[in-house]
Protein backbone atom coordinates (compact mmCIF):
# COMPACT_ATOMS: atom_id res chain seq x y z
CA MET A 1 130.48 -43.87 167.29
CA LYS A 2 128.09 -44.93 170.10
CA GLN A 3 124.68 -44.44 171.82
CA ILE A 4 121.94 -42.81 174.25
CA VAL A 5 120.90 -41.26 177.55
CA ILE A 6 120.48 -44.68 178.83
CA VAL A 7 122.47 -47.32 176.98
CA LEU A 8 126.04 -47.81 175.66
CA ALA A 9 127.01 -50.14 172.83
CA LEU A 10 129.94 -50.70 170.50
CA PHE A 11 129.43 -49.27 167.01
CA ILE A 12 130.90 -51.02 164.02
CA PRO A 13 130.52 -48.98 160.80
CA SER A 14 128.53 -50.84 158.18
CA THR A 15 131.12 -50.30 155.44
CA THR A 16 131.53 -53.05 152.87
CA PHE A 17 133.15 -53.58 149.49
CA ILE A 18 130.59 -54.54 146.86
CA THR A 19 130.42 -55.12 143.15
CA ALA A 20 128.81 -52.56 140.89
CA ALA A 21 125.02 -52.74 140.80
CA PRO A 22 122.07 -50.44 140.00
CA LEU A 23 121.44 -47.97 142.80
CA ASP A 24 118.61 -49.15 145.05
CA PHE A 25 117.77 -49.75 148.73
CA ASP A 26 118.48 -53.49 148.69
CA ASP A 27 120.25 -54.53 151.94
CA SER A 28 119.29 -51.22 153.59
CA LYS A 29 116.83 -51.30 156.50
CA TRP A 30 113.99 -49.09 157.56
CA ILE A 31 115.16 -47.72 160.92
CA TRP A 32 113.66 -45.60 163.70
CA TYR A 33 114.13 -44.74 167.34
CA SER A 34 111.60 -44.18 170.10
CA PRO A 35 112.68 -43.85 173.75
CA GLY A 36 111.32 -46.34 176.26
CA ALA A 37 109.39 -49.44 175.28
CA GLU A 38 109.35 -50.42 171.63
CA ALA A 39 105.87 -49.63 170.39
CA SER A 40 104.47 -51.59 167.48
CA LEU A 41 105.03 -50.04 164.07
CA GLY A 42 101.44 -48.84 163.80
CA GLU A 43 101.58 -47.12 167.22
CA LEU A 44 104.73 -45.03 166.84
CA PRO A 45 104.08 -41.48 168.06
CA ALA A 46 104.59 -38.26 166.17
CA ALA A 47 108.21 -37.34 166.84
CA ALA A 48 111.49 -36.01 165.45
CA ASN A 49 114.49 -38.34 165.58
CA TYR A 50 118.15 -37.59 164.89
CA MET A 51 120.22 -40.31 163.22
CA ARG A 52 123.90 -40.76 162.41
CA GLY A 53 125.93 -43.27 160.41
CA THR A 54 129.57 -43.30 159.28
CA LEU A 55 131.34 -44.41 156.11
CA ALA A 56 135.13 -44.86 156.30
CA VAL A 57 137.05 -43.96 153.13
CA PRO A 58 140.73 -44.99 152.84
CA ALA A 59 143.13 -42.07 153.20
CA ASP A 60 144.83 -42.74 149.85
CA ALA A 61 141.65 -43.43 147.88
CA GLN A 62 140.57 -41.37 144.89
CA VAL A 63 136.81 -40.89 144.64
CA ALA A 64 135.42 -41.32 141.14
CA SER A 65 131.76 -40.73 142.07
CA ALA A 66 129.41 -40.85 145.04
CA GLU A 67 125.63 -40.85 145.31
CA VAL A 68 123.15 -41.07 148.16
CA ILE A 69 119.48 -42.06 148.09
CA ALA A 70 117.09 -41.63 151.00
CA THR A 71 113.47 -41.40 152.01
CA CYS A 72 111.49 -41.25 155.24
CA ASP A 73 107.98 -41.74 156.51
CA ASN A 74 107.16 -38.84 156.71
CA LEU A 75 109.92 -36.18 156.27
CA PHE A 76 113.70 -35.86 156.43
CA VAL A 77 116.65 -33.48 156.12
CA LEU A 78 120.00 -35.02 155.09
CA TYR A 79 123.49 -33.81 156.08
CA LEU A 80 126.95 -35.02 155.06
CA ASN A 81 129.94 -34.00 157.19
CA GLY A 82 127.92 -31.21 158.75
CA LYS A 83 126.62 -29.66 155.51
CA PRO A 84 123.00 -29.92 154.31
CA VAL A 85 122.70 -32.16 151.26
CA GLY A 86 118.97 -31.62 150.81
CA GLU A 87 115.56 -32.55 152.14
CA SER A 88 112.36 -34.37 151.30
CA GLY A 89 109.27 -32.60 150.14
CA ALA A 90 107.29 -30.80 152.84
CA ASN A 91 104.31 -33.12 152.66
CA ASN A 92 103.12 -36.08 154.74
CA SER A 93 102.73 -38.28 151.67
CA VAL A 94 106.14 -37.93 149.96
CA TRP A 95 107.75 -40.94 151.66
CA ASN A 96 107.24 -42.94 148.44
CA GLN A 97 109.28 -40.37 146.48
CA PRO A 98 112.94 -40.94 147.44
CA LYS A 99 115.56 -38.30 146.84
CA ARG A 100 118.87 -38.90 145.03
CA TRP A 101 121.91 -36.62 145.24
CA ASP A 102 125.40 -36.53 143.72
CA VAL A 103 127.82 -36.07 146.64
CA THR A 104 131.09 -36.83 144.82
CA GLU A 105 132.73 -33.57 145.86
CA TRP A 106 131.60 -33.96 149.48
CA ILE A 107 133.39 -37.22 150.31
CA VAL A 108 136.60 -36.85 152.32
CA PRO A 109 139.34 -39.31 153.34
CA GLY A 110 138.61 -40.95 156.70
CA ASN A 111 135.22 -41.01 158.39
CA ASN A 112 132.31 -39.41 156.57
CA ALA A 113 129.36 -38.65 158.84
CA VAL A 114 125.86 -38.98 157.41
CA ALA A 115 123.23 -37.31 159.61
CA VAL A 116 119.47 -37.35 159.14
CA LYS A 117 116.70 -35.48 160.90
CA ALA A 118 113.73 -37.83 160.47
CA VAL A 119 110.20 -36.73 161.36
CA ASN A 120 107.02 -38.73 161.87
CA THR A 121 104.40 -35.99 161.61
CA VAL A 122 101.41 -38.10 162.70
CA PRO A 123 101.13 -41.21 164.90
CA GLY A 124 101.57 -44.44 162.98
CA PRO A 125 104.25 -46.18 160.91
CA ALA A 126 107.60 -44.38 160.84
CA GLY A 127 110.96 -45.21 159.31
CA MET A 128 113.98 -43.87 157.44
CA ILE A 129 115.93 -45.75 154.78
CA LEU A 130 119.19 -44.64 153.14
CA LYS A 131 122.08 -45.85 151.02
CA LEU A 132 125.33 -44.03 150.23
CA VAL A 133 127.54 -45.54 147.49
CA VAL A 134 131.08 -44.33 146.78
CA HIS A 135 132.92 -45.49 143.62
CA LEU A 136 136.70 -45.37 143.88
CA ALA A 137 139.05 -44.82 140.95
CA ASP A 138 140.51 -48.32 141.38
CA GLY A 139 137.10 -49.90 140.77
CA ARG A 140 136.12 -50.58 144.37
CA GLU A 141 132.75 -49.56 145.77
CA LEU A 142 132.05 -48.53 149.36
CA ALA A 143 128.52 -48.48 150.75
CA LEU A 144 126.81 -47.19 153.86
CA ARG A 145 123.34 -48.57 154.49
CA SER A 146 120.79 -47.64 157.15
CA ASP A 147 120.72 -50.50 159.66
CA ALA A 148 120.97 -51.31 163.37
CA SER A 149 124.54 -49.94 163.55
CA TRP A 150 123.24 -46.39 163.16
CA LEU A 151 122.88 -44.24 166.26
CA CYS A 152 119.81 -42.22 167.21
CA GLU A 153 118.63 -39.57 169.65
CA SER A 154 115.28 -37.90 170.24
CA THR A 155 116.79 -34.55 171.27
CA GLU A 156 118.56 -32.13 168.93
CA HIS A 157 122.07 -31.23 170.12
CA PRO A 158 124.32 -28.39 168.88
CA SER A 159 126.42 -29.46 165.86
CA TRP A 160 124.87 -32.95 165.91
CA GLN A 161 125.39 -33.16 162.12
CA ALA A 162 129.19 -32.62 162.30
CA ALA A 163 131.69 -35.39 161.53
CA ASP A 164 133.49 -34.87 164.86
CA PHE A 165 130.31 -34.78 166.99
CA ASP A 166 130.52 -37.07 170.04
CA ASP A 167 127.59 -39.46 169.75
CA SER A 168 129.04 -42.03 172.14
CA HIS A 169 125.94 -41.85 174.36
CA TRP A 170 123.36 -42.09 171.58
CA ASN A 171 121.03 -45.06 171.14
CA ASP A 172 121.22 -47.94 168.70
CA ALA A 173 118.74 -47.60 165.87
CA ARG A 174 115.77 -49.94 165.83
CA VAL A 175 115.17 -51.83 162.60
CA VAL A 176 111.44 -51.51 161.88
CA GLY A 177 111.43 -53.17 158.47
CA GLN A 178 113.39 -54.73 155.62
CA TYR A 179 113.31 -53.03 152.25
CA GLY A 180 110.20 -54.34 150.52
CA ASP A 181 108.26 -54.94 153.74
CA THR A 182 104.81 -53.48 154.31
CA PRO A 183 103.57 -50.82 154.65
CA TRP A 184 106.20 -49.22 152.36
CA ARG A 185 107.09 -52.09 150.01
CA ARG A 186 109.50 -51.02 147.23
CA VAL A 187 109.75 -47.45 146.00
CA ARG A 188 110.85 -45.96 142.69
CA ILE A 189 114.38 -44.50 142.73
CA PRO A 190 114.93 -41.34 140.62
CA ALA A 191 116.79 -42.15 137.40
CA GLU A 192 119.29 -39.30 137.80
CA PRO A 193 120.79 -37.57 140.85
CA GLN A 194 120.45 -33.89 141.59
CA PRO A 195 123.37 -31.78 142.81
CA ALA A 196 123.99 -31.85 146.55
CA GLY A 197 123.43 -28.67 148.50
CA THR A 198 119.85 -27.95 147.52
CA ALA A 199 118.04 -25.49 149.76
CA VAL A 200 116.62 -26.76 153.03
CA GLY A 201 114.19 -25.21 155.51
CA GLU A 202 110.73 -26.10 154.27
CA VAL A 203 110.73 -29.44 156.08
CA GLU A 204 111.66 -27.73 159.35
CA LYS A 205 108.72 -25.32 159.01
CA PHE A 206 106.25 -28.06 158.11
CA ALA A 207 107.51 -30.41 160.83
CA THR A 208 107.37 -27.76 163.55
CA ALA A 209 103.75 -26.97 162.69
CA ALA A 210 102.79 -30.65 162.42
CA LEU A 211 104.39 -31.63 165.74
CA SER A 212 102.86 -28.63 167.48
CA GLU A 213 99.44 -29.71 166.25
CA ALA A 214 100.12 -33.29 167.36
CA ALA A 215 101.17 -32.03 170.79
CA LYS A 216 97.86 -30.20 171.20
CA SER A 217 96.11 -33.51 170.56
CA GLN A 218 98.50 -35.31 172.95
CA ARG A 219 99.71 -37.48 170.09
CA VAL A 220 103.38 -36.52 170.13
CA ALA A 221 106.31 -38.27 171.84
CA GLY A 222 108.95 -35.58 171.94
CA VAL A 223 108.78 -32.08 173.37
CA VAL A 224 108.29 -29.33 170.81
CA GLU A 225 110.76 -26.57 171.59
CA GLN A 226 109.28 -23.13 172.08
CA LEU A 227 111.23 -19.95 172.74
CA PRO A 228 110.24 -18.19 176.00
CA ASP A 229 109.09 -14.60 176.16
CA ALA A 230 111.79 -11.96 176.62
CA GLY A 231 110.78 -11.46 180.25
CA PHE A 232 110.68 -15.15 181.15
CA LEU A 233 112.16 -15.77 184.60
CA TRP A 234 114.41 -18.82 184.43
CA PRO A 235 114.72 -21.00 187.54
CA GLU A 236 118.07 -20.85 189.29
CA ALA A 237 118.53 -24.60 188.75
CA ILE A 238 116.65 -27.62 187.43
CA ALA A 239 116.92 -31.11 188.93
CA PHE A 240 116.06 -34.15 186.83
CA ILE A 241 116.48 -37.91 186.61
CA GLY A 242 118.95 -39.28 184.04
CA GLU A 243 119.33 -42.71 182.38
CA ASP A 244 115.85 -44.21 182.30
CA ARG A 245 115.43 -47.41 184.32
CA SER A 246 111.67 -47.50 184.50
CA LEU A 247 109.85 -50.79 184.05
CA TYR A 248 107.89 -51.05 180.82
CA ARG A 249 105.06 -53.41 180.09
CA PRO A 250 106.10 -56.01 177.46
CA LEU A 251 104.18 -55.77 174.21
CA ALA A 252 104.47 -59.53 173.65
CA HIS A 253 105.34 -62.54 175.80
CA SER A 254 109.06 -63.23 175.90
CA GLY A 255 109.08 -66.40 177.99
CA SER A 256 111.00 -64.60 180.74
CA SER A 257 110.14 -63.18 184.15
CA TYR A 258 109.49 -59.82 182.48
CA ASP A 259 106.18 -61.23 181.23
CA SER A 260 104.80 -60.72 184.75
CA LEU A 261 104.98 -56.97 184.15
CA SER A 262 102.01 -57.28 181.79
CA VAL A 263 99.77 -57.48 184.87
CA THR A 264 101.75 -55.22 187.20
CA ILE A 265 102.74 -52.23 185.09
CA PHE A 266 100.51 -50.05 182.93
CA ASN A 267 102.23 -47.41 180.79
CA PRO A 268 100.25 -46.40 177.70
CA ARG A 269 102.51 -44.57 175.24
CA ASN A 270 105.33 -44.72 177.83
CA SER A 271 103.33 -42.69 180.35
CA ARG A 272 102.48 -43.94 183.84
CA ALA A 273 99.11 -44.95 185.28
CA PHE A 274 98.02 -46.66 188.51
CA PRO A 275 95.76 -49.69 187.97
CA GLU A 276 94.60 -51.95 190.80
CA HIS A 277 97.59 -54.30 190.38
CA ASP A 278 100.23 -51.57 190.22
CA LEU A 279 103.64 -52.11 191.84
CA PRO A 280 105.01 -49.39 194.16
CA ALA A 281 107.73 -47.33 192.47
CA PRO A 282 108.39 -43.70 191.51
CA MET A 283 106.56 -42.61 188.38
CA LYS A 284 109.87 -42.62 186.48
CA VAL A 285 113.00 -44.40 187.65
CA GLY A 286 116.53 -43.53 186.53
CA ARG A 287 120.10 -44.14 187.51
CA MET A 288 121.31 -40.58 188.22
CA LEU A 289 120.09 -37.41 189.91
CA CYS A 290 121.32 -34.46 187.84
CA VAL A 291 121.16 -30.67 188.11
CA LEU A 292 121.34 -27.93 185.48
CA ASP A 293 122.74 -24.84 187.17
CA SER A 294 122.03 -22.50 184.24
CA PRO A 295 119.50 -22.39 181.38
CA GLY A 296 120.24 -22.76 177.69
CA SER A 297 121.37 -25.45 175.29
CA GLU A 298 125.02 -25.04 176.30
CA ALA A 299 124.39 -25.89 179.96
CA THR A 300 126.12 -29.04 181.20
CA PRO A 301 124.27 -31.31 183.68
CA ARG A 302 125.98 -31.90 187.01
CA VAL A 303 125.55 -35.37 188.55
CA LEU A 304 124.58 -35.17 192.22
CA LEU A 305 124.00 -38.86 192.85
CA ASP A 306 124.56 -42.13 190.98
CA ALA A 307 122.50 -45.12 192.13
CA GLY A 308 124.82 -47.58 190.41
CA GLN A 309 122.87 -50.72 189.58
CA GLY A 310 119.94 -49.42 191.64
CA GLY A 311 117.37 -46.80 190.75
CA LEU A 312 116.03 -43.46 191.95
CA GLY A 313 113.16 -41.12 191.21
CA SER A 314 110.58 -38.64 192.59
CA PRO A 315 112.96 -35.63 192.91
CA SER A 316 111.52 -32.74 194.94
CA ALA A 317 113.34 -29.56 195.97
CA ALA A 318 113.37 -28.32 199.57
CA TYR A 319 111.96 -24.84 200.18
CA ASP A 320 115.38 -23.39 201.00
CA GLY A 321 116.86 -24.74 197.76
CA LYS A 322 119.72 -26.41 199.62
CA SER A 323 118.70 -30.03 199.13
CA ILE A 324 116.63 -32.38 197.00
CA LEU A 325 114.42 -35.16 198.34
CA ILE A 326 114.39 -38.39 196.33
CA SER A 327 113.18 -41.97 196.55
CA MET A 328 115.98 -44.47 195.92
CA ALA A 329 116.79 -48.16 196.01
CA TYR A 330 120.55 -48.57 196.04
CA GLU A 331 122.11 -51.59 194.36
CA GLY A 332 121.05 -54.61 196.42
CA ASP A 333 118.21 -52.80 198.21
CA ALA A 334 114.81 -54.51 198.08
CA PHE A 335 112.82 -51.34 198.89
CA PHE A 336 112.69 -47.69 197.89
CA HIS A 337 113.50 -45.28 200.73
CA ILE A 338 113.52 -41.48 201.11
CA TYR A 339 116.87 -39.65 200.94
CA ARG A 340 117.96 -36.02 201.21
CA VAL A 341 120.70 -35.00 198.74
CA PRO A 342 122.71 -31.75 199.25
CA ILE A 343 122.40 -29.47 196.21
CA ASP A 344 126.13 -28.68 196.38
CA GLY A 345 127.07 -32.37 196.35
CA GLY A 346 128.04 -34.81 199.05
CA PRO A 347 126.66 -38.09 200.39
CA PRO A 348 122.87 -38.44 200.69
CA THR A 349 121.15 -38.75 204.06
CA GLN A 350 118.74 -41.69 204.38
CA LEU A 351 115.51 -40.61 206.10
CA THR A 352 113.39 -43.79 206.01
CA ASP A 353 114.10 -47.50 206.35
CA GLY A 354 112.31 -50.80 206.85
CA PHE A 355 110.46 -53.40 204.82
CA PHE A 356 108.37 -50.77 203.03
CA HIS A 357 108.45 -48.78 199.81
CA ASP A 358 108.62 -45.02 200.48
CA ILE A 359 108.24 -42.85 197.37
CA ASP A 360 107.15 -39.40 196.14
CA PRO A 361 108.56 -37.17 198.94
CA VAL A 362 107.56 -33.50 199.14
CA GLU A 363 108.47 -30.90 201.78
CA LEU A 364 105.66 -29.14 203.63
CA PRO A 365 105.79 -25.42 204.55
CA ASP A 366 106.53 -26.27 208.21
CA GLY A 367 109.57 -28.38 207.25
CA ARG A 368 107.93 -31.79 207.59
CA ILE A 369 107.99 -34.22 204.68
CA ALA A 370 104.95 -35.91 203.15
CA PHE A 371 105.41 -39.07 201.12
CA THR A 372 103.68 -42.18 199.78
CA SER A 373 104.37 -45.45 201.60
CA THR A 374 103.33 -49.09 201.74
CA ARG A 375 103.82 -49.10 205.54
CA ILE A 376 100.06 -48.66 206.07
CA GLY A 377 100.01 -52.50 206.18
CA THR A 378 97.01 -53.33 203.97
CA PHE A 379 96.75 -54.90 200.53
CA GLU A 380 94.66 -54.20 197.44
CA GLU A 381 91.72 -56.59 197.58
CA TYR A 382 91.84 -58.19 194.11
CA HIS A 383 95.47 -58.50 193.00
CA ASN A 384 97.10 -58.20 196.43
CA PRO A 385 99.88 -55.63 195.90
CA PRO A 386 100.60 -53.56 199.02
CA SER A 387 98.36 -50.53 199.52
CA ARG A 388 99.91 -47.04 199.49
CA SER A 389 98.89 -44.21 201.80
CA LEU A 390 100.24 -40.76 202.57
CA PHE A 391 102.56 -40.36 205.56
CA VAL A 392 104.33 -37.39 207.13
CA MET A 393 107.57 -37.22 209.13
CA ASP A 394 109.84 -34.51 210.47
CA ALA A 395 112.85 -33.19 208.54
CA GLU A 396 115.15 -35.84 210.07
CA GLY A 397 112.87 -38.78 209.27
CA ARG A 398 111.34 -39.14 212.76
CA ASP A 399 107.75 -39.13 214.04
CA LEU A 400 106.30 -41.02 211.05
CA ARG A 401 102.51 -41.19 210.97
CA PRO A 402 99.80 -41.71 208.34
CA ILE A 403 97.49 -38.93 207.19
CA THR A 404 95.40 -41.05 204.77
CA SER A 405 94.27 -44.66 204.67
CA THR A 406 93.09 -46.68 201.69
CA ILE A 407 93.12 -50.27 200.45
CA ILE A 408 94.17 -49.04 197.00
CA PHE A 409 96.85 -46.42 196.25
CA ASP A 410 97.49 -42.78 197.13
CA ASN A 411 100.18 -41.34 194.85
CA GLU A 412 102.12 -38.19 193.93
CA PRO A 413 101.42 -35.77 196.80
CA GLU A 414 102.00 -32.08 196.00
CA VAL A 415 101.58 -29.04 198.26
CA LEU A 416 99.04 -26.31 197.48
CA ALA A 417 99.56 -22.66 198.37
CA ASP A 418 97.27 -22.98 201.40
CA GLY A 419 99.28 -25.92 202.80
CA ARG A 420 96.85 -28.65 201.81
CA ILE A 421 98.17 -31.69 199.96
CA ILE A 422 96.76 -32.67 196.58
CA PHE A 423 97.32 -36.26 195.45
CA ILE A 424 96.03 -39.00 193.14
CA ARG A 425 93.96 -41.82 194.60
CA SER A 426 93.24 -45.00 192.65
CA ASP A 427 89.60 -45.48 193.66
CA SER A 428 87.84 -48.84 193.96
CA SER A 429 84.98 -47.53 191.85
CA ILE A 430 85.22 -48.32 188.14
CA ALA A 431 83.51 -45.00 187.40
CA ALA A 432 86.21 -43.14 189.29
CA ARG A 433 89.34 -45.16 188.68
CA SER A 434 91.70 -42.27 189.54
CA LYS A 435 90.80 -38.93 191.10
CA ARG A 436 92.64 -36.05 192.64
CA PHE A 437 92.01 -35.50 196.34
CA CYS A 438 92.96 -32.78 198.78
CA THR A 439 93.81 -33.36 202.42
CA PRO A 440 95.26 -31.32 205.28
CA SER A 441 98.72 -32.37 206.47
CA THR A 442 97.12 -33.79 209.64
CA PRO A 443 95.14 -37.07 209.82
CA THR A 444 91.63 -36.53 208.41
CA ALA A 445 89.38 -37.76 205.63
CA PRO A 446 90.43 -36.34 202.25
CA THR A 447 87.90 -34.66 199.97
CA ALA A 448 87.69 -35.16 196.22
CA THR A 449 88.20 -32.17 193.96
CA PRO A 450 85.76 -32.77 191.08
CA SER A 451 87.19 -29.98 188.93
CA LEU A 452 90.56 -31.75 189.01
CA ALA A 453 89.31 -35.34 188.72
């Protein structure tokens, strides 16, 4: 088994032979997964995570008994080889009440897949801990413990609980605590197991409501899935960036060059903001430009462009739907430049060049392209990163000229229905650190839009 949307790593099943001992969580770890930077335990967002581990049972082994114990802060649903074993109580405070099931009849020769949907219903500490113990007729004991060898994902995939599910692109689990660590300490294990296959469904209902409420308060990490209305008009295609390569601000000094990001990158809760010392880059940077040509969970992304060891971002569709504008720094490039990528595939066309960062392209109704660039030639007055202003050019990348000028940053231009451009300006005033402005697509002074500030 393997890992995520962004990383690949070799998985070695944590299967060991042990001597008989009372059933407890000793040697198991509290694990979790959150995409992007690793937030501190107390700052983990409300989110649903999907976790998988594997226990290998010899083909000729006879199973005498098998039990599994598990708990989660806050909720969980447990599956074994694709079948629901059971779930926690549907309550935020039941993490200190582990569940124990007899799964003797559910163990099969070969790989046994243990899958857990783990839910943190409110921001704060989150973790799942589990132990599966199999007693063989010859006296041996096999154990699967939750640890860093488990694989995790933040998105639910069809048949993700099945033994033969391909999790080769899932993420490594993050160990957030040893058994006995605060805030959970040690918990009381039920004295007797209950039969596997108890009804599930209440956790799903409670979790959906809790995450929806957290989303309203902007306290949730993942996207809460909602079914569209019957008459919803799906787009013909969706372009997106795959394999996150964004820079994240270190939470603690590491003694490496990455420590400099603490004063150049600001991303609260893995979002993106533009402080005075911000470095020029697309809001999110990834490795691949992908397209979904049809809606639905069965749709397969099509890779239009792979930046290799470089990075790309700021995808924007052309009005005719035949191409996508992006900002990209190929492997070895020192600057981001604007490219046009054919929607049907083929090599990209480079539209800008030079010792400047060009990001956030968007096509105007007349076919010209507006974008953010450092080529204005000024620098932010306190921390000295290059300023960013809005520029326009024709469809082939010629006739470049500025339409705004600032010593700070103009970011994320978008086109309004009347042809004006709305964008975010990092203002020099502390009282107005970032505001939305509107400007015509010809050189003129932009005007703030207070209702959108």
